[in-house]
Amino acid sequence: MKAILALFLAAVLGTACADPRTTVSRCPACRGERSVSLTPPNLGQHDGEIGVTPGKPFTNHRWDVKHDRCPLCKGTGRHETWVFKGRAPEDRADKEPCTTCWWSGAEPCRRCDHTGFVECPKCKTSRHGSKPGWIVEESSTSGRTSKHKKITVSACPTCGGIGKIVCPTCDGMGGQPCRRCKGAGYTAKKVK
């Protein structure tokens, strides 16, 4: 999708945007590792013990949710975003900066606050002290002598337990091409 957008901008704007001004950083979920392992919050499920050895801090255990491909970056380990600080071109004699984007050619996405990610709509409201990314369900089993409460914690099917999804407005780019200058970053100087 991002490559198609870059080709479209290059075709529409000619050489002005043939090299889109973007930057690449590590994915915030997997930190560039391409896979991620997430530990569910300890809310008393599994009879209160989710570690391998009782009484010792856990680092990895059989209830971890492992993703071979990070759900946020789709296994690339990279996060590409628009650069919102532009530099003036060398041949700027007949150009003046766009008043909206000021040479950058991009305007920030308001929905994600130009981060490229938004809170997962399915699990953003955490219940019972849980953290975003996890679905908590409680069920009661009542017997003759006691009433037992069973807690089930599972990874959110939408975000995979991360708590964030790629912003659908900007497709994770943190912004979109400037509407005023159509991604060029400048406008033609007005002749006086």
N, C-alpha and C. Protein backbone atom coordinates (compact mmCIF):
# COMPACT_ATOMS: atom_id res chain seq x y z
N MET A 1 0.82 -1.19 0.00
CA MET A 1 0.00 0.00 0.00
C MET A 1 0.87 1.26 0.00
N LYS A 2 1.93 1.27 0.82
CA LYS A 2 2.80 2.44 0.91
C LYS A 2 3.58 2.64 -0.39
N ALA A 3 4.00 1.53 -1.00
CA ALA A 3 4.73 1.62 -2.26
C ALA A 3 3.82 2.15 -3.36
N ILE A 4 2.56 1.71 -3.35
CA ILE A 4 1.60 2.19 -4.34
C ILE A 4 1.37 3.68 -4.17
N LEU A 5 1.26 4.13 -2.91
CA LEU A 5 1.08 5.56 -2.64
C LEU A 5 2.27 6.36 -3.15
N ALA A 6 3.47 5.86 -2.94
CA ALA A 6 4.67 6.56 -3.40
C ALA A 6 4.71 6.64 -4.92
N LEU A 7 4.34 5.54 -5.60
CA LEU A 7 4.32 5.55 -7.06
C LEU A 7 3.24 6.50 -7.60
N PHE A 8 2.10 6.52 -6.91
CA PHE A 8 1.02 7.42 -7.32
C PHE A 8 1.46 8.88 -7.20
N LEU A 9 2.09 9.21 -6.07
CA LEU A 9 2.55 10.59 -5.86
C LEU A 9 3.62 10.96 -6.89
N ALA A 10 4.50 10.02 -7.20
CA ALA A 10 5.54 10.30 -8.18
C ALA A 10 4.93 10.53 -9.56
N ALA A 11 3.90 9.77 -9.89
CA ALA A 11 3.25 9.93 -11.20
C ALA A 11 2.49 11.24 -11.29
N VAL A 12 1.80 11.60 -10.20
CA VAL A 12 1.00 12.83 -10.21
C VAL A 12 1.87 14.06 -10.16
N LEU A 13 2.92 14.02 -9.33
CA LEU A 13 3.71 15.22 -9.10
C LEU A 13 5.00 15.27 -9.91
N GLY A 14 5.26 14.27 -10.68
CA GLY A 14 6.51 14.25 -11.44
C GLY A 14 7.68 13.96 -10.53
N THR A 15 8.76 14.68 -10.69
CA THR A 15 9.96 14.44 -9.88
C THR A 15 9.88 15.07 -8.51
N ALA A 16 8.85 15.89 -8.25
CA ALA A 16 8.76 16.58 -6.96
C ALA A 16 8.68 15.61 -5.80
N CYS A 17 8.03 14.48 -6.01
CA CYS A 17 7.87 13.54 -4.91
C CYS A 17 8.28 12.13 -5.32
N ALA A 18 9.21 12.01 -6.24
CA ALA A 18 9.67 10.69 -6.68
C ALA A 18 10.36 9.96 -5.54
N ASP A 19 10.97 10.70 -4.62
CA ASP A 19 11.61 10.11 -3.46
C ASP A 19 10.86 10.60 -2.22
N PRO A 20 9.82 9.87 -1.79
CA PRO A 20 9.02 10.35 -0.66
C PRO A 20 9.88 10.53 0.58
N ARG A 21 9.60 11.57 1.34
CA ARG A 21 10.36 11.89 2.53
C ARG A 21 9.82 11.07 3.70
N THR A 22 10.42 9.91 3.90
CA THR A 22 10.00 9.02 4.98
C THR A 22 11.22 8.62 5.80
N THR A 23 10.94 8.12 6.98
CA THR A 23 11.99 7.61 7.84
C THR A 23 11.58 6.24 8.35
N VAL A 24 12.55 5.39 8.63
CA VAL A 24 12.28 4.03 9.09
C VAL A 24 12.88 3.87 10.48
N SER A 25 12.07 3.32 11.39
CA SER A 25 12.54 3.03 12.75
C SER A 25 12.15 1.60 13.11
N ARG A 26 12.59 1.16 14.27
CA ARG A 26 12.23 -0.19 14.73
C ARG A 26 10.78 -0.22 15.17
N CYS A 27 10.14 -1.34 14.97
CA CYS A 27 8.75 -1.52 15.40
C CYS A 27 8.68 -1.39 16.91
N PRO A 28 7.74 -0.60 17.46
CA PRO A 28 7.68 -0.44 18.91
C PRO A 28 7.22 -1.69 19.66
N ALA A 29 6.56 -2.62 18.99
CA ALA A 29 6.08 -3.82 19.68
C ALA A 29 7.17 -4.88 19.78
N CYS A 30 7.80 -5.20 18.65
CA CYS A 30 8.81 -6.27 18.65
C CYS A 30 10.24 -5.73 18.72
N ARG A 31 10.41 -4.42 18.68
CA ARG A 31 11.71 -3.75 18.73
C ARG A 31 12.67 -4.26 17.65
N GLY A 32 12.11 -4.52 16.47
CA GLY A 32 12.93 -4.94 15.35
C GLY A 32 13.21 -6.42 15.28
N GLU A 33 12.71 -7.20 16.24
CA GLU A 33 12.99 -8.64 16.28
C GLU A 33 12.11 -9.45 15.33
N ARG A 34 11.03 -8.87 14.83
CA ARG A 34 10.08 -9.50 13.89
C ARG A 34 9.12 -10.48 14.54
N SER A 35 9.45 -11.00 15.71
CA SER A 35 8.54 -11.87 16.45
C SER A 35 8.42 -11.32 17.86
N VAL A 36 7.36 -11.70 18.53
CA VAL A 36 7.15 -11.15 19.87
C VAL A 36 6.51 -12.21 20.76
N SER A 37 6.90 -12.19 22.03
CA SER A 37 6.34 -13.08 23.04
C SER A 37 5.76 -12.20 24.15
N LEU A 38 4.49 -12.40 24.44
CA LEU A 38 3.79 -11.55 25.41
C LEU A 38 3.32 -12.36 26.59
N THR A 39 3.50 -11.83 27.79
CA THR A 39 3.07 -12.49 29.01
C THR A 39 1.75 -11.91 29.47
N PRO A 40 0.74 -12.73 29.67
CA PRO A 40 -0.55 -12.21 30.14
C PRO A 40 -0.44 -11.66 31.56
N PRO A 41 -1.30 -10.70 31.90
CA PRO A 41 -1.27 -10.18 33.28
C PRO A 41 -1.71 -11.26 34.26
N ASN A 42 -1.13 -11.22 35.45
CA ASN A 42 -1.46 -12.19 36.48
C ASN A 42 -2.66 -11.68 37.27
N LEU A 43 -3.83 -12.22 36.96
CA LEU A 43 -5.06 -11.82 37.64
C LEU A 43 -5.66 -12.97 38.45
N GLY A 44 -4.85 -13.96 38.74
CA GLY A 44 -5.33 -15.07 39.54
C GLY A 44 -5.77 -16.26 38.70
N GLN A 45 -5.62 -16.19 37.40
CA GLN A 45 -5.94 -17.35 36.57
C GLN A 45 -4.91 -18.44 36.85
N HIS A 46 -5.20 -19.63 36.46
CA HIS A 46 -4.33 -20.79 36.71
C HIS A 46 -4.06 -20.93 38.22
N ASP A 47 -5.09 -20.68 39.02
CA ASP A 47 -5.01 -20.78 40.49
C ASP A 47 -3.94 -19.88 41.08
N GLY A 48 -3.72 -18.73 40.47
CA GLY A 48 -2.83 -17.73 41.03
C GLY A 48 -1.38 -17.91 40.69
N GLU A 49 -1.00 -19.04 40.11
CA GLU A 49 0.40 -19.27 39.77
C GLU A 49 0.53 -19.38 38.26
N ILE A 50 1.20 -18.41 37.64
CA ILE A 50 1.43 -18.55 36.20
C ILE A 50 2.91 -18.73 35.89
N GLY A 51 3.74 -18.73 36.90
CA GLY A 51 5.17 -18.96 36.67
C GLY A 51 5.46 -20.45 36.64
N VAL A 52 6.65 -20.80 36.18
CA VAL A 52 7.04 -22.20 36.12
C VAL A 52 7.36 -22.72 37.52
N THR A 53 8.11 -21.93 38.29
CA THR A 53 8.46 -22.33 39.64
C THR A 53 7.71 -21.44 40.63
N PRO A 54 6.88 -22.01 41.50
CA PRO A 54 6.14 -21.19 42.46
C PRO A 54 7.07 -20.37 43.35
N GLY A 55 6.71 -19.11 43.54
CA GLY A 55 7.47 -18.24 44.42
C GLY A 55 8.64 -17.53 43.76
N LYS A 56 9.01 -17.89 42.54
CA LYS A 56 10.11 -17.24 41.85
C LYS A 56 9.55 -16.42 40.68
N PRO A 57 10.21 -15.31 40.37
CA PRO A 57 9.70 -14.50 39.24
C PRO A 57 9.81 -15.27 37.93
N PHE A 58 8.78 -15.12 37.11
CA PHE A 58 8.77 -15.85 35.85
C PHE A 58 9.36 -15.00 34.74
N THR A 59 9.99 -15.64 33.80
CA THR A 59 10.49 -14.95 32.61
C THR A 59 9.82 -15.51 31.37
N ASN A 60 9.57 -16.77 31.34
CA ASN A 60 8.92 -17.40 30.21
C ASN A 60 8.18 -18.63 30.74
N HIS A 61 6.98 -18.83 30.28
CA HIS A 61 6.23 -19.97 30.76
C HIS A 61 5.25 -20.42 29.70
N ARG A 62 4.55 -21.47 29.98
CA ARG A 62 3.72 -22.09 28.96
C ARG A 62 2.48 -21.29 28.60
N TRP A 63 2.14 -20.24 29.36
CA TRP A 63 0.96 -19.44 29.04
C TRP A 63 1.30 -18.21 28.22
N ASP A 64 2.57 -17.98 27.92
CA ASP A 64 2.94 -16.85 27.07
C ASP A 64 2.26 -16.98 25.71
N VAL A 65 1.96 -15.84 25.12
CA VAL A 65 1.42 -15.80 23.76
C VAL A 65 2.58 -15.44 22.84
N LYS A 66 2.90 -16.35 21.94
CA LYS A 66 4.04 -16.14 21.04
C LYS A 66 3.53 -15.89 19.63
N HIS A 67 4.05 -14.85 19.01
CA HIS A 67 3.73 -14.55 17.61
C HIS A 67 5.01 -14.69 16.80
N ASP A 68 5.01 -15.59 15.82
CA ASP A 68 6.17 -15.72 14.94
C ASP A 68 6.33 -14.47 14.08
N ARG A 69 5.21 -13.85 13.71
CA ARG A 69 5.23 -12.58 12.98
C ARG A 69 4.53 -11.55 13.86
N CYS A 70 5.23 -10.49 14.19
CA CYS A 70 4.66 -9.43 15.03
C CYS A 70 3.39 -8.89 14.37
N PRO A 71 2.27 -8.83 15.10
CA PRO A 71 1.02 -8.35 14.51
C PRO A 71 1.05 -6.87 14.12
N LEU A 72 1.91 -6.09 14.75
CA LEU A 72 1.93 -4.65 14.48
C LEU A 72 2.69 -4.32 13.19
N CYS A 73 3.84 -4.95 12.98
CA CYS A 73 4.65 -4.65 11.79
C CYS A 73 4.57 -5.74 10.74
N LYS A 74 3.74 -6.76 10.98
CA LYS A 74 3.57 -7.90 10.06
C LYS A 74 4.88 -8.65 9.81
N GLY A 75 5.74 -8.66 10.82
CA GLY A 75 6.98 -9.43 10.74
C GLY A 75 8.13 -8.75 10.04
N THR A 76 8.02 -7.47 9.75
CA THR A 76 9.14 -6.78 9.09
C THR A 76 10.14 -6.24 10.10
N GLY A 77 9.67 -5.93 11.32
CA GLY A 77 10.55 -5.34 12.33
C GLY A 77 10.76 -3.85 12.13
N ARG A 78 10.10 -3.28 11.11
CA ARG A 78 10.31 -1.87 10.75
C ARG A 78 9.01 -1.09 10.85
N HIS A 79 9.15 0.19 11.08
CA HIS A 79 8.02 1.11 11.11
C HIS A 79 8.38 2.34 10.29
N GLU A 80 7.70 2.50 9.17
CA GLU A 80 7.99 3.60 8.26
C GLU A 80 6.98 4.73 8.49
N THR A 81 7.47 5.95 8.64
CA THR A 81 6.60 7.10 8.86
C THR A 81 7.06 8.27 8.00
N TRP A 82 6.15 9.20 7.79
CA TRP A 82 6.47 10.43 7.08
C TRP A 82 7.37 11.30 7.94
N VAL A 83 8.22 12.07 7.31
CA VAL A 83 9.04 13.06 8.00
C VAL A 83 8.31 14.40 7.88
N PHE A 84 8.07 15.04 9.01
CA PHE A 84 7.28 16.26 9.01
C PHE A 84 8.13 17.53 9.08
N LYS A 85 9.45 17.37 9.08
CA LYS A 85 10.34 18.53 9.02
C LYS A 85 11.05 18.48 7.68
N GLY A 86 10.66 19.37 6.79
CA GLY A 86 11.24 19.36 5.46
C GLY A 86 12.38 20.35 5.31
N ARG A 87 13.22 20.10 4.31
CA ARG A 87 14.29 21.03 3.96
C ARG A 87 13.94 21.70 2.65
N ALA A 88 14.34 22.91 2.54
CA ALA A 88 14.09 23.65 1.30
C ALA A 88 14.93 23.06 0.18
N PRO A 89 14.36 22.90 -1.02
CA PRO A 89 15.14 22.38 -2.14
C PRO A 89 16.21 23.38 -2.58
N GLU A 90 17.24 22.86 -3.21
CA GLU A 90 18.33 23.74 -3.65
C GLU A 90 17.87 24.72 -4.73
N ASP A 91 17.01 24.27 -5.62
CA ASP A 91 16.52 25.14 -6.69
C ASP A 91 15.18 25.77 -6.29
N ARG A 92 15.23 26.63 -5.31
CA ARG A 92 14.00 27.20 -4.78
C ARG A 92 13.74 28.63 -5.25
N ALA A 93 14.34 29.03 -6.32
CA ALA A 93 14.19 30.41 -6.80
C ALA A 93 12.73 30.74 -7.13
N ASP A 94 12.03 29.79 -7.76
CA ASP A 94 10.64 30.06 -8.13
C ASP A 94 9.65 29.34 -7.22
N LYS A 95 10.09 28.90 -6.03
CA LYS A 95 9.24 28.15 -5.11
C LYS A 95 9.17 28.86 -3.77
N GLU A 96 8.04 28.74 -3.13
CA GLU A 96 7.92 29.20 -1.74
C GLU A 96 7.30 28.08 -0.93
N PRO A 97 7.63 28.01 0.38
CA PRO A 97 7.16 26.88 1.18
C PRO A 97 5.64 26.85 1.28
N CYS A 98 5.11 25.64 1.30
CA CYS A 98 3.67 25.45 1.51
C CYS A 98 3.35 25.90 2.93
N THR A 99 2.30 26.68 3.09
CA THR A 99 1.96 27.20 4.42
C THR A 99 1.40 26.13 5.35
N THR A 100 1.03 24.98 4.82
CA THR A 100 0.50 23.90 5.65
C THR A 100 1.60 22.97 6.14
N CYS A 101 2.49 22.53 5.24
CA CYS A 101 3.49 21.52 5.62
C CYS A 101 4.91 22.05 5.68
N TRP A 102 5.17 23.24 5.15
CA TRP A 102 6.47 23.90 5.21
C TRP A 102 7.61 23.02 4.72
N TRP A 103 7.64 22.74 3.45
CA TRP A 103 8.65 21.97 2.70
C TRP A 103 8.55 20.45 2.90
N SER A 104 7.85 19.95 3.89
CA SER A 104 7.91 18.50 4.14
C SER A 104 7.05 17.69 3.18
N GLY A 105 5.94 18.22 2.70
CA GLY A 105 5.07 17.48 1.80
C GLY A 105 4.09 16.57 2.49
N ALA A 106 4.08 16.57 3.83
CA ALA A 106 3.18 15.70 4.58
C ALA A 106 2.54 16.46 5.72
N GLU A 107 1.32 16.08 6.04
CA GLU A 107 0.67 16.66 7.21
C GLU A 107 0.35 15.54 8.20
N PRO A 108 0.54 15.79 9.50
CA PRO A 108 0.35 14.75 10.51
C PRO A 108 -1.09 14.26 10.58
N CYS A 109 -1.23 12.99 10.90
CA CYS A 109 -2.54 12.37 11.09
C CYS A 109 -3.08 12.78 12.45
N ARG A 110 -4.29 13.28 12.48
CA ARG A 110 -4.88 13.72 13.75
C ARG A 110 -5.41 12.55 14.57
N ARG A 111 -5.80 11.49 13.90
CA ARG A 111 -6.40 10.36 14.62
C ARG A 111 -5.38 9.67 15.52
N CYS A 112 -4.16 9.46 15.02
CA CYS A 112 -3.14 8.75 15.80
C CYS A 112 -2.09 9.68 16.38
N ASP A 113 -2.27 10.98 16.25
CA ASP A 113 -1.32 11.97 16.75
C ASP A 113 0.06 11.72 16.13
N HIS A 114 0.07 11.44 14.86
CA HIS A 114 1.22 11.16 14.00
C HIS A 114 2.19 10.10 14.53
N THR A 115 1.64 9.09 15.25
CA THR A 115 2.47 7.97 15.69
C THR A 115 2.34 6.77 14.75
N GLY A 116 1.21 6.67 14.05
CA GLY A 116 0.97 5.54 13.16
C GLY A 116 0.17 4.43 13.81
N PHE A 117 -0.07 4.53 15.12
CA PHE A 117 -0.80 3.48 15.84
C PHE A 117 -1.90 4.09 16.70
N VAL A 118 -2.99 3.35 16.86
CA VAL A 118 -4.10 3.76 17.73
C VAL A 118 -4.39 2.62 18.69
N GLU A 119 -5.10 2.94 19.77
CA GLU A 119 -5.49 1.90 20.72
C GLU A 119 -6.44 0.93 20.05
N CYS A 120 -6.33 -0.32 20.40
CA CYS A 120 -7.20 -1.35 19.84
C CYS A 120 -8.63 -1.07 20.30
N PRO A 121 -9.60 -0.98 19.39
CA PRO A 121 -10.97 -0.67 19.79
C PRO A 121 -11.65 -1.78 20.58
N LYS A 122 -11.17 -3.02 20.44
CA LYS A 122 -11.83 -4.13 21.11
C LYS A 122 -11.42 -4.24 22.58
N CYS A 123 -10.17 -3.93 22.90
CA CYS A 123 -9.68 -4.16 24.27
C CYS A 123 -9.15 -2.90 24.92
N LYS A 124 -9.48 -1.71 24.40
CA LYS A 124 -8.87 -0.49 24.96
C LYS A 124 -9.36 -0.17 26.36
N THR A 125 -10.55 -0.65 26.70
CA THR A 125 -11.02 -0.44 28.07
C THR A 125 -10.66 -1.67 28.88
N SER A 126 -9.66 -1.54 29.73
CA SER A 126 -9.22 -2.69 30.51
C SER A 126 -10.11 -2.84 31.74
N ARG A 127 -10.50 -4.06 32.00
CA ARG A 127 -11.34 -4.36 33.15
C ARG A 127 -10.55 -5.17 34.18
N HIS A 128 -10.96 -5.08 35.40
CA HIS A 128 -10.40 -5.88 36.49
C HIS A 128 -8.90 -5.70 36.64
N GLY A 129 -8.38 -4.50 36.37
CA GLY A 129 -6.96 -4.25 36.54
C GLY A 129 -6.10 -4.86 35.45
N SER A 130 -6.73 -5.29 34.37
CA SER A 130 -5.96 -5.87 33.28
C SER A 130 -5.25 -4.78 32.50
N LYS A 131 -4.40 -5.17 31.58
CA LYS A 131 -3.74 -4.19 30.74
C LYS A 131 -4.30 -4.33 29.32
N PRO A 132 -4.21 -3.25 28.53
CA PRO A 132 -4.74 -3.34 27.16
C PRO A 132 -4.09 -4.47 26.38
N GLY A 133 -4.87 -5.10 25.52
CA GLY A 133 -4.38 -6.22 24.75
C GLY A 133 -4.91 -7.56 25.23
N TRP A 134 -5.55 -7.55 26.38
CA TRP A 134 -6.00 -8.81 26.98
C TRP A 134 -7.50 -8.74 27.29
N ILE A 135 -8.19 -9.84 27.03
CA ILE A 135 -9.61 -9.96 27.31
C ILE A 135 -9.76 -10.78 28.58
N VAL A 136 -10.45 -10.21 29.56
CA VAL A 136 -10.65 -10.89 30.85
C VAL A 136 -12.10 -11.33 30.95
N GLU A 137 -12.28 -12.60 31.25
CA GLU A 137 -13.63 -13.14 31.44
C GLU A 137 -13.68 -13.85 32.78
N GLU A 138 -14.77 -13.62 33.50
CA GLU A 138 -14.97 -14.28 34.79
C GLU A 138 -16.21 -15.15 34.70
N SER A 139 -16.12 -16.32 35.27
CA SER A 139 -17.28 -17.19 35.35
C SER A 139 -17.32 -17.78 36.76
N SER A 140 -18.51 -17.96 37.26
CA SER A 140 -18.68 -18.51 38.61
C SER A 140 -19.22 -19.92 38.51
N THR A 141 -18.65 -20.78 39.32
CA THR A 141 -19.16 -22.14 39.45
C THR A 141 -19.56 -22.31 40.91
N SER A 142 -20.80 -22.56 41.12
CA SER A 142 -21.26 -22.71 42.51
C SER A 142 -21.55 -24.18 42.79
N GLY A 143 -21.03 -24.60 43.88
CA GLY A 143 -21.27 -25.98 44.33
C GLY A 143 -22.04 -25.94 45.63
N ARG A 144 -22.15 -27.09 46.27
CA ARG A 144 -22.88 -27.15 47.54
C ARG A 144 -22.16 -26.41 48.65
N THR A 145 -20.84 -26.55 48.66
CA THR A 145 -20.11 -25.99 49.78
C THR A 145 -19.44 -24.67 49.48
N SER A 146 -19.04 -24.42 48.26
CA SER A 146 -18.30 -23.20 47.98
C SER A 146 -18.68 -22.62 46.62
N LYS A 147 -18.34 -21.38 46.49
CA LYS A 147 -18.55 -20.69 45.22
C LYS A 147 -17.18 -20.34 44.69
N HIS A 148 -16.83 -20.87 43.52
CA HIS A 148 -15.50 -20.66 42.96
C HIS A 148 -15.61 -19.76 41.74
N LYS A 149 -14.72 -18.77 41.66
CA LYS A 149 -14.70 -17.85 40.53
C LYS A 149 -13.53 -18.21 39.63
N LYS A 150 -13.83 -18.43 38.35
CA LYS A 150 -12.79 -18.79 37.39
C LYS A 150 -12.49 -17.57 36.52
N ILE A 151 -11.21 -17.21 36.40
CA ILE A 151 -10.78 -16.08 35.59
C ILE A 151 -10.03 -16.61 34.37
N THR A 152 -10.45 -16.14 33.21
CA THR A 152 -9.78 -16.50 31.97
C THR A 152 -9.21 -15.24 31.34
N VAL A 153 -7.92 -15.25 31.03
CA VAL A 153 -7.26 -14.12 30.38
C VAL A 153 -6.73 -14.61 29.03
N SER A 154 -7.19 -13.97 27.97
CA SER A 154 -6.74 -14.38 26.64
C SER A 154 -6.32 -13.14 25.84
N ALA A 155 -5.45 -13.37 24.88
CA ALA A 155 -5.00 -12.26 24.03
C ALA A 155 -6.15 -11.79 23.16
N CYS A 156 -6.25 -10.49 22.99
CA CYS A 156 -7.29 -9.90 22.15
C CYS A 156 -7.13 -10.41 20.72
N PRO A 157 -8.20 -10.87 20.09
CA PRO A 157 -8.07 -11.38 18.72
C PRO A 157 -7.77 -10.29 17.69
N THR A 158 -8.07 -9.04 18.02
CA THR A 158 -7.84 -7.95 17.07
C THR A 158 -6.38 -7.52 17.05
N CYS A 159 -5.78 -7.30 18.23
CA CYS A 159 -4.41 -6.79 18.29
C CYS A 159 -3.39 -7.85 18.71
N GLY A 160 -3.85 -9.05 19.05
CA GLY A 160 -2.92 -10.12 19.42
C GLY A 160 -2.26 -9.95 20.77
N GLY A 161 -2.79 -9.06 21.62
CA GLY A 161 -2.22 -8.86 22.95
C GLY A 161 -1.33 -7.64 23.06
N ILE A 162 -1.14 -6.92 21.96
CA ILE A 162 -0.25 -5.75 21.98
C ILE A 162 -0.97 -4.52 22.52
N GLY A 163 -2.27 -4.39 22.26
CA GLY A 163 -3.03 -3.24 22.75
C GLY A 163 -3.12 -2.10 21.76
N LYS A 164 -2.40 -2.21 20.65
CA LYS A 164 -2.43 -1.18 19.61
C LYS A 164 -2.59 -1.84 18.26
N ILE A 165 -3.17 -1.07 17.33
CA ILE A 165 -3.28 -1.52 15.94
C ILE A 165 -2.76 -0.41 15.05
N VAL A 166 -2.49 -0.74 13.80
CA VAL A 166 -2.05 0.25 12.82
C VAL A 166 -3.21 1.20 12.56
N CYS A 167 -2.92 2.49 12.55
CA CYS A 167 -3.95 3.51 12.35
C CYS A 167 -4.59 3.31 10.97
N PRO A 168 -5.93 3.12 10.92
CA PRO A 168 -6.57 2.91 9.63
C PRO A 168 -6.66 4.18 8.78
N THR A 169 -6.54 5.34 9.39
CA THR A 169 -6.63 6.60 8.65
C THR A 169 -5.39 6.84 7.80
N CYS A 170 -4.21 6.65 8.40
CA CYS A 170 -2.95 6.94 7.69
C CYS A 170 -2.18 5.69 7.30
N ASP A 171 -2.75 4.51 7.54
CA ASP A 171 -2.10 3.23 7.21
C ASP A 171 -0.75 3.08 7.90
N GLY A 172 -0.63 3.63 9.12
CA GLY A 172 0.59 3.49 9.91
C GLY A 172 1.69 4.46 9.56
N MET A 173 1.48 5.34 8.60
CA MET A 173 2.52 6.29 8.18
C MET A 173 2.58 7.53 9.06
N GLY A 174 1.63 7.72 9.96
CA GLY A 174 1.64 8.88 10.85
C GLY A 174 1.14 10.15 10.20
N GLY A 175 0.79 10.09 8.95
CA GLY A 175 0.29 11.26 8.24
C GLY A 175 -0.07 10.91 6.82
N GLN A 176 -0.36 11.91 6.07
CA GLN A 176 -0.68 11.73 4.66
C GLN A 176 -0.08 12.88 3.86
N PRO A 177 -0.02 12.72 2.54
CA PRO A 177 0.52 13.82 1.74
C PRO A 177 -0.30 15.09 1.95
N CYS A 178 0.37 16.19 2.00
CA CYS A 178 -0.27 17.48 2.23
C CYS A 178 -1.30 17.75 1.13
N ARG A 179 -2.50 18.13 1.55
CA ARG A 179 -3.57 18.37 0.57
C ARG A 179 -3.37 19.69 -0.17
N ARG A 180 -2.78 20.65 0.48
CA ARG A 180 -2.62 21.97 -0.16
C ARG A 180 -1.62 21.92 -1.31
N CYS A 181 -0.44 21.33 -1.07
CA CYS A 181 0.59 21.29 -2.13
C CYS A 181 0.68 19.93 -2.81
N LYS A 182 -0.21 19.01 -2.43
CA LYS A 182 -0.25 17.65 -2.99
C LYS A 182 1.07 16.90 -2.82
N GLY A 183 1.71 17.12 -1.69
CA GLY A 183 2.92 16.37 -1.34
C GLY A 183 4.22 16.96 -1.83
N ALA A 184 4.18 18.07 -2.52
CA ALA A 184 5.42 18.66 -3.05
C ALA A 184 6.21 19.36 -1.95
N GLY A 185 5.53 20.00 -1.01
CA GLY A 185 6.21 20.75 0.04
C GLY A 185 6.35 22.22 -0.27
N TYR A 186 6.01 22.62 -1.46
CA TYR A 186 6.13 24.02 -1.85
C TYR A 186 5.04 24.38 -2.85
N THR A 187 4.87 25.65 -3.06
CA THR A 187 3.98 26.17 -4.09
C THR A 187 4.78 27.11 -4.97
N ALA A 188 4.26 27.38 -6.14
CA ALA A 188 4.95 28.30 -7.04
C ALA A 188 4.89 29.72 -6.49
N LYS A 189 6.00 30.42 -6.62
CA LYS A 189 6.05 31.80 -6.12
C LYS A 189 5.10 32.67 -6.93
N LYS A 190 4.38 33.52 -6.21
CA LYS A 190 3.46 34.42 -6.90
C LYS A 190 4.23 35.56 -7.54
N VAL A 191 3.92 35.81 -8.78
CA VAL A 191 4.59 36.90 -9.51
C VAL A 191 3.91 38.20 -9.14
N LYS A 192 4.73 39.17 -8.71
CA LYS A 192 4.17 40.45 -8.29
C LYS A 192 4.16 41.43 -9.43
